[in-house]
Amino acid sequence: MTYAHPRLEALIAQARDAQRQTAPTIGIVYPCDSAALDAARRIADSGIARPVLIGPTEAIARAADASEIDLSTFEIVATGTDPHDASQHATSLARDGALAALMKGSLHTDELMSAVVNKTTGLRGDTRISHAFVFDLPRYPKLLALADCVVNISPDLRTKRDILGNAVRLLQALGIAQPKVGIVAAVETVNPAIPATVDAQALVELSRQGEWPGAIVEGPFGFDNAISAEAARIKGIASTVSGDADLLLMPDLNAGNMLYKSFVYVGGGDCAGLVLGARVPIVLTSRADSLQSRLASVALAVLAVGNESARPGLAPSPSGRGLG
C-alpha cells in the first residue's frame, strides 16, 4: 500500500514560502551519480534552495550525461577526485559562510562527517552534533520527530541534553513554539538498573529549571504511553505529552534506528532528516530515500537556518557556464 504524506509536502511549501529574495545555497558534496544530480535538479526546480555542486568535474559530467541532466544552470566547484577532497572543500566553504547548508551526494556518510567533525578544519558548533528525523505517519495527527537515530551510539546524559536541545530548536524553527517532548525508555518508571530512565528523570528536571524555554519535557515513557494517550490513561499516567508528542528522545542509537525503520517499513511513514549542532545543517541521504524525503530534508535545512537570504555567491566554474 502506498501512503500519501501531506505534512512533508506542507513542510516543503513552508520552506518555499519562507523565501524572501534569493534562495539559500546548499552545497551538494560529491554529486557523482544520477540520484544526487536528480536531487539537485529537483531542489532547484522547487525553489527552496540553490544547489551548488562540489566535486570532480569529469565525474559529475559523466553522471549528468548518463542521466540526461543539463549542468549548464548549476554552479560547480571543482575538487580533486577523492571524496575526501570534496568534503574538505565543502566544509571550508560552509565555514567561510559561502554555503548555508550541506547535503551528502554519492560519497559515504563517514567520508563527509569526518570532515565535518574535524576539530581544526570542520564545522563543530557549541553543542554535540546530533541528528533528528521528522516523520509524517499515516496514523499520527501531526509531524513527529525522533532523535537521535543516526549519529550518537550510546549517548550519556550530557549528550542527550544536546540532542534534545538541538531537536527542540529545530522544531521551534518549524513554528512549533512549545514542542512537547517524550523521553522514551523500556519502562515508564525510574529504575536505577535502566540508566535511560535515570537520564530521563534528570532531563525532566533540567527542563523544569528552564534549560529549553518553551518546551514541555516529560518522561520516562514506554513507547506505548508516549505515543498513545489511551495507553497512558490505562496505566494511570497523567501527561500533557502522551499521544501529542512533537519529539521522542530515544535512549540510544539501537532503539532509535529500529524505531525509525519500523515507522518507514511497517508504519507507512516517510521522513525528513537533518544533522544538527554543526555550524550549518547537513542533509544525509540514503539511496532508499524517496524524492519527497530528500526535498523535505532540504526544506528542514532551509528552515533551520532561519530562512535567511542566500549567502554570498561562489566563484563561477572555470568554463563560466558549468559543464553543460
Protein backbone atom coordinates (compact mmCIF):
# COMPACT_ATOMS: atom_id res chain seq x y z
CA MET A 1 0.00 0.00 0.00
CA THR A 2 1.22 3.47 -0.89
CA TYR A 3 0.57 6.28 1.59
CA ALA A 4 0.39 9.99 0.93
CA HIS A 5 2.46 12.25 3.18
CA PRO A 6 0.83 15.67 3.01
CA ARG A 7 2.68 17.01 6.05
CA LEU A 8 6.00 16.60 4.26
CA GLU A 9 4.54 18.39 1.25
CA ALA A 10 3.44 21.16 3.61
CA LEU A 11 6.98 21.34 5.01
CA ILE A 12 8.37 21.85 1.50
CA ALA A 13 5.76 24.53 0.85
CA GLN A 14 6.63 26.21 4.15
CA ALA A 15 10.29 26.44 3.12
CA ARG A 16 9.34 27.76 -0.30
CA ASP A 17 7.02 30.37 1.17
CA ALA A 18 9.71 31.49 3.61
CA GLN A 19 11.97 32.72 0.81
CA ARG A 20 12.20 36.46 0.57
CA GLN A 21 14.52 37.15 -2.37
CA THR A 22 17.24 34.64 -3.22
CA ALA A 23 17.05 31.06 -2.03
CA PRO A 24 19.84 29.95 0.35
CA THR A 25 22.71 27.94 -1.07
CA ILE A 26 23.15 24.24 -0.30
CA GLY A 27 26.37 22.51 -1.22
CA ILE A 28 25.84 19.00 -2.61
CA VAL A 29 29.03 17.16 -1.80
CA TYR A 30 30.40 14.75 -4.43
CA PRO A 31 27.26 14.52 -6.61
CA CYS A 32 28.65 11.87 -8.94
CA ASP A 33 25.61 9.66 -9.55
CA SER A 34 22.15 10.07 -11.02
CA ALA A 35 20.38 10.14 -7.64
CA ALA A 36 22.44 13.08 -6.35
CA LEU A 37 22.11 15.04 -9.58
CA ASP A 38 18.39 14.35 -9.84
CA ALA A 39 18.02 15.64 -6.28
CA ALA A 40 19.95 18.78 -7.27
CA ARG A 41 17.65 19.32 -10.23
CA ARG A 42 14.51 18.85 -8.15
CA ILE A 43 15.81 21.17 -5.42
CA ALA A 44 16.46 23.88 -7.98
CA ASP A 45 13.07 23.35 -9.62
CA SER A 46 11.31 23.51 -6.23
CA GLY A 47 12.76 26.93 -5.46
CA ILE A 48 13.52 26.10 -1.84
CA ALA A 49 17.32 26.32 -2.19
CA ARG A 50 20.06 26.90 -4.74
CA PRO A 51 22.20 23.77 -5.14
CA VAL A 52 25.94 24.13 -5.68
CA LEU A 53 27.72 21.01 -6.95
CA ILE A 54 31.03 20.32 -5.20
CA GLY A 55 33.20 17.56 -6.61
CA PRO A 56 35.34 16.36 -9.53
CA THR A 57 34.02 17.95 -12.71
CA GLU A 58 34.66 14.99 -15.00
CA ALA A 59 32.83 12.54 -12.72
CA ILE A 60 29.92 14.95 -12.33
CA ALA A 61 29.76 15.40 -16.11
CA ARG A 62 29.76 11.64 -16.73
CA ALA A 63 26.93 11.15 -14.27
CA ALA A 64 24.99 14.02 -15.83
CA ASP A 65 25.41 12.61 -19.34
CA ALA A 66 24.23 9.19 -18.21
CA SER A 67 21.19 10.73 -16.55
CA GLU A 68 20.49 13.30 -19.28
CA ILE A 69 20.74 16.15 -16.81
CA ASP A 70 21.75 19.60 -18.10
CA LEU A 71 24.51 21.06 -15.91
CA SER A 72 24.58 24.47 -17.57
CA THR A 73 22.34 26.05 -14.94
CA PHE A 74 24.32 24.76 -11.96
CA GLU A 75 27.23 26.35 -10.18
CA ILE A 76 30.04 23.81 -9.93
CA VAL A 77 33.01 23.95 -7.57
CA ALA A 78 35.77 21.70 -8.86
CA THR A 79 37.71 19.48 -6.43
CA GLY A 80 40.07 16.53 -6.61
CA THR A 81 38.76 13.09 -7.47
CA ASP A 82 38.84 11.78 -3.90
CA PRO A 83 35.56 12.23 -1.95
CA HIS A 84 37.69 13.45 0.95
CA ASP A 85 38.80 16.43 -1.18
CA ALA A 86 35.17 17.34 -1.91
CA SER A 87 34.24 17.02 1.76
CA GLN A 88 37.08 19.24 2.92
CA HIS A 89 36.34 21.84 0.25
CA ALA A 90 32.64 21.87 1.13
CA THR A 91 33.25 22.27 4.87
CA SER A 92 35.70 25.09 4.16
CA LEU A 93 33.09 26.93 2.07
CA ALA A 94 30.47 26.42 4.77
CA ARG A 95 32.85 27.62 7.46
CA ASP A 96 33.56 30.75 5.44
CA GLY A 97 29.83 31.49 5.07
CA ALA A 98 29.55 30.71 1.34
CA LEU A 99 27.08 27.87 1.94
CA ALA A 100 24.03 27.84 4.19
CA ALA A 101 23.81 24.03 4.36
CA LEU A 102 25.42 20.85 3.08
CA MET A 103 23.91 17.74 1.51
CA LYS A 104 25.54 14.35 1.03
CA GLY A 105 25.96 13.27 -2.58
CA SER A 106 27.29 9.88 -3.70
CA LEU A 107 30.03 9.51 -1.10
CA HIS A 108 29.83 7.51 2.13
CA THR A 109 28.40 9.23 5.19
CA ASP A 110 31.59 8.79 7.19
CA GLU A 111 33.63 10.47 4.42
CA LEU A 112 31.54 13.61 4.76
CA MET A 113 31.10 13.53 8.52
CA SER A 114 34.81 13.01 9.21
CA ALA A 115 35.43 16.39 7.57
CA VAL A 116 32.51 17.98 9.43
CA VAL A 117 33.68 16.86 12.89
CA ASN A 118 37.38 17.65 12.35
CA LYS A 119 38.41 19.69 15.38
CA THR A 120 40.63 22.03 13.38
CA THR A 121 39.02 22.47 9.98
CA GLY A 122 35.48 21.16 10.48
CA LEU A 123 32.12 22.62 11.42
CA ARG A 124 31.79 21.84 15.11
CA GLY A 125 29.48 24.19 16.97
CA ASP A 126 28.83 24.82 20.64
CA THR A 127 26.86 21.60 21.18
CA ARG A 128 27.31 17.94 20.41
CA ILE A 129 26.48 17.10 16.79
CA SER A 130 23.30 15.04 16.56
CA HIS A 131 20.58 14.02 14.12
CA ALA A 132 16.81 14.33 14.04
CA PHE A 133 14.16 12.84 11.78
CA VAL A 134 10.76 14.47 11.30
CA PHE A 135 8.10 11.90 10.38
CA ASP A 136 4.78 12.05 8.58
CA LEU A 137 2.95 8.97 9.89
CA PRO A 138 -0.45 7.92 8.50
CA ARG A 139 -1.88 7.21 11.97
CA TYR A 140 -0.40 10.17 13.88
CA PRO A 141 -2.11 13.57 13.78
CA LYS A 142 0.97 15.73 13.16
CA LEU A 143 4.67 15.63 12.39
CA LEU A 144 6.67 13.59 14.88
CA ALA A 145 10.42 13.99 15.41
CA LEU A 146 12.81 11.24 16.54
CA ALA A 147 16.31 11.86 17.90
CA ASP A 148 18.96 10.50 17.76
CA CYS A 149 18.69 7.59 15.33
CA VAL A 150 21.86 8.15 13.29
CA VAL A 151 24.84 9.83 14.95
CA ASN A 152 25.23 9.18 18.69
CA ILE A 153 25.52 5.49 19.56
CA SER A 154 25.26 5.37 23.36
CA PRO A 155 24.68 8.95 24.50
CA ASP A 156 25.33 9.89 28.10
CA LEU A 157 23.27 12.49 29.95
CA ARG A 158 25.30 15.44 28.69
CA THR A 159 24.98 14.25 25.10
CA LYS A 160 21.23 13.65 25.49
CA ARG A 161 20.90 17.22 26.75
CA ASP A 162 22.46 18.46 23.50
CA ILE A 163 20.44 16.05 21.34
CA LEU A 164 17.24 17.28 22.97
CA GLY A 165 18.25 20.94 22.67
CA ASN A 166 19.20 20.63 19.01
CA ALA A 167 15.90 18.93 18.17
CA VAL A 168 13.82 21.42 20.17
CA ARG A 169 15.44 24.33 18.32
CA LEU A 170 14.68 22.63 15.00
CA LEU A 171 11.01 22.21 15.91
CA GLN A 172 10.80 25.82 17.03
CA ALA A 173 12.28 26.86 13.67
CA LEU A 174 9.37 24.99 12.07
CA GLY A 175 6.95 27.19 14.03
CA ILE A 176 6.25 24.84 16.95
CA ALA A 177 6.74 27.31 19.79
CA GLN A 178 6.09 24.82 22.61
CA PRO A 179 7.27 21.41 21.43
CA LYS A 180 6.09 18.50 23.55
CA VAL A 181 8.94 16.07 24.25
CA GLY A 182 8.58 12.48 25.45
CA ILE A 183 11.73 10.78 26.71
CA VAL A 184 11.43 7.11 25.79
CA ALA A 185 12.82 4.12 27.68
CA ALA A 186 11.83 0.49 28.16
CA VAL A 187 9.55 1.39 31.07
CA GLU A 188 7.79 4.45 32.40
CA THR A 189 9.16 4.29 35.94
CA VAL A 190 12.59 5.34 37.15
CA ASN A 191 14.70 2.23 37.70
CA PRO A 192 18.40 2.55 38.61
CA ALA A 193 19.06 -0.69 36.73
CA ILE A 194 17.88 1.01 33.49
CA PRO A 195 20.11 4.09 33.00
CA ALA A 196 17.82 5.60 30.35
CA THR A 197 15.10 6.08 32.97
CA VAL A 198 17.52 7.85 35.32
CA ASP A 199 18.66 10.10 32.46
CA ALA A 200 15.01 10.86 31.67
CA GLN A 201 14.39 11.98 35.24
CA ALA A 202 17.44 14.28 35.07
CA LEU A 203 16.38 15.77 31.73
CA VAL A 204 12.89 16.50 33.04
CA GLU A 205 14.45 18.31 35.99
CA LEU A 206 16.67 20.35 33.64
CA SER A 207 13.55 21.33 31.72
CA ARG A 208 11.84 22.47 34.91
CA GLN A 209 14.89 24.66 35.55
CA GLY A 210 14.42 26.40 32.20
CA GLU A 211 17.01 24.58 30.07
CA TRP A 212 14.76 24.60 26.98
CA PRO A 213 12.43 27.62 27.10
CA GLY A 214 9.01 26.84 25.67
CA ALA A 215 9.47 23.06 25.56
CA ILE A 216 7.36 20.67 27.63
CA VAL A 217 9.55 17.71 28.59
CA GLU A 218 8.17 14.58 30.29
CA GLY A 219 9.41 11.06 30.93
CA PRO A 220 10.41 8.40 31.21
CA PHE A 221 7.79 6.87 28.94
CA GLY A 222 7.47 3.42 27.49
CA PHE A 223 6.88 3.82 23.77
CA ASP A 224 3.23 2.82 24.14
CA ASN A 225 2.33 5.54 26.62
CA ALA A 226 4.41 8.15 24.79
CA ILE A 227 2.55 7.60 21.52
CA SER A 228 -0.92 6.80 22.89
CA ALA A 229 -2.90 8.90 25.36
CA GLU A 230 -5.20 5.91 25.91
CA ALA A 231 -2.26 3.65 26.84
CA ALA A 232 -1.09 6.30 29.31
CA ARG A 233 -4.60 6.63 30.78
CA ILE A 234 -4.88 2.88 31.30
CA LYS A 235 -1.57 2.90 33.17
CA GLY A 236 -2.63 5.86 35.29
CA ILE A 237 -0.13 8.30 33.77
CA ALA A 238 -1.22 11.93 33.86
CA SER A 239 0.54 13.66 30.97
CA THR A 240 0.16 16.52 28.51
CA VAL A 241 2.69 14.86 26.18
CA SER A 242 1.22 11.34 25.82
CA GLY A 243 -0.45 10.96 22.45
CA ASP A 244 0.51 14.51 21.45
CA ALA A 245 4.31 14.44 21.39
CA ASP A 246 6.23 16.51 18.85
CA LEU A 247 9.53 14.81 19.69
CA LEU A 248 10.53 11.43 21.06
CA LEU A 249 14.02 11.36 22.57
CA MET A 250 15.36 7.82 22.15
CA PRO A 251 17.65 6.11 24.70
CA ASP A 252 20.33 5.07 22.18
CA LEU A 253 21.02 4.53 18.50
CA ASN A 254 19.90 0.89 18.54
CA ALA A 255 16.41 1.77 19.74
CA GLY A 256 16.17 4.91 17.63
CA ASN A 257 17.31 3.31 14.39
CA MET A 258 14.99 0.32 14.76
CA LEU A 259 12.00 2.58 15.50
CA TYR A 260 12.84 4.83 12.56
CA LYS A 261 12.93 1.87 10.16
CA SER A 262 9.75 0.44 11.68
CA PHE A 263 7.99 3.74 11.04
CA VAL A 264 9.06 3.57 7.37
CA TYR A 265 8.75 -0.12 6.50
CA VAL A 266 5.85 -1.15 8.74
CA GLY A 267 4.08 2.06 9.63
CA GLY A 268 3.91 3.56 6.14
CA GLY A 269 5.70 6.72 7.20
CA ASP A 270 8.15 8.92 5.37
CA CYS A 271 10.54 11.42 6.87
CA ALA A 272 12.93 14.29 6.52
CA GLY A 273 16.23 14.18 8.38
CA LEU A 274 18.95 16.62 9.38
CA VAL A 275 22.29 16.69 11.17
CA LEU A 276 22.17 19.41 13.82
CA GLY A 277 24.68 21.10 16.08
CA ALA A 278 27.25 21.91 13.38
CA ARG A 279 27.79 25.43 12.06
CA VAL A 280 25.40 24.63 9.19
CA PRO A 281 22.68 21.98 8.94
CA ILE A 282 23.63 18.86 6.99
CA VAL A 283 21.33 16.61 4.96
CA LEU A 284 22.36 12.95 4.94
CA THR A 285 20.62 10.97 2.24
CA SER A 286 20.24 7.27 1.51
CA ARG A 287 19.71 5.55 -1.82
CA ALA A 288 16.44 4.23 -0.35
CA ASP A 289 15.10 7.73 0.38
CA SER A 290 12.13 8.90 -1.64
CA LEU A 291 12.36 12.10 -3.66
CA GLN A 292 9.83 13.66 -1.29
CA SER A 293 12.04 12.74 1.65
CA ARG A 294 15.08 14.36 0.02
CA LEU A 295 13.21 17.57 -0.75
CA ALA A 296 11.65 17.69 2.71
CA SER A 297 15.09 17.25 4.28
CA VAL A 298 16.37 20.24 2.32
CA ALA A 299 13.28 22.15 3.44
CA LEU A 300 14.21 21.32 7.04
CA ALA A 301 17.71 22.67 6.44
CA VAL A 302 16.34 25.88 4.93
CA LEU A 303 14.00 26.45 7.87
CA ALA A 304 16.73 25.53 10.38
CA VAL A 305 18.94 28.38 9.18
CA GLY A 306 16.12 30.80 9.79
CA ASN A 307 15.08 31.31 6.16
CA GLU A 308 17.96 33.73 5.64
CA SER A 309 18.74 35.12 2.21
CA ALA A 310 21.35 33.26 0.21
CA ARG A 311 24.89 33.51 1.47
CA PRO A 312 27.48 35.26 -0.76
CA GLY A 313 27.78 33.59 -4.15
CA LEU A 314 30.70 31.40 -5.14
CA ALA A 315 33.10 31.92 -7.98
CA PRO A 316 31.83 30.56 -11.30
CA SER A 317 33.18 27.31 -12.68
CA PRO A 318 36.27 27.62 -14.89
CA SER A 319 34.19 27.50 -18.06
CA GLY A 320 31.94 30.27 -16.78
CA ARG A 321 28.87 28.20 -17.65
CA GLY A 322 29.17 24.94 -15.71
CA LEU A 323 29.80 21.78 -17.71
CA GLY A 324 26.69 21.70 -19.87
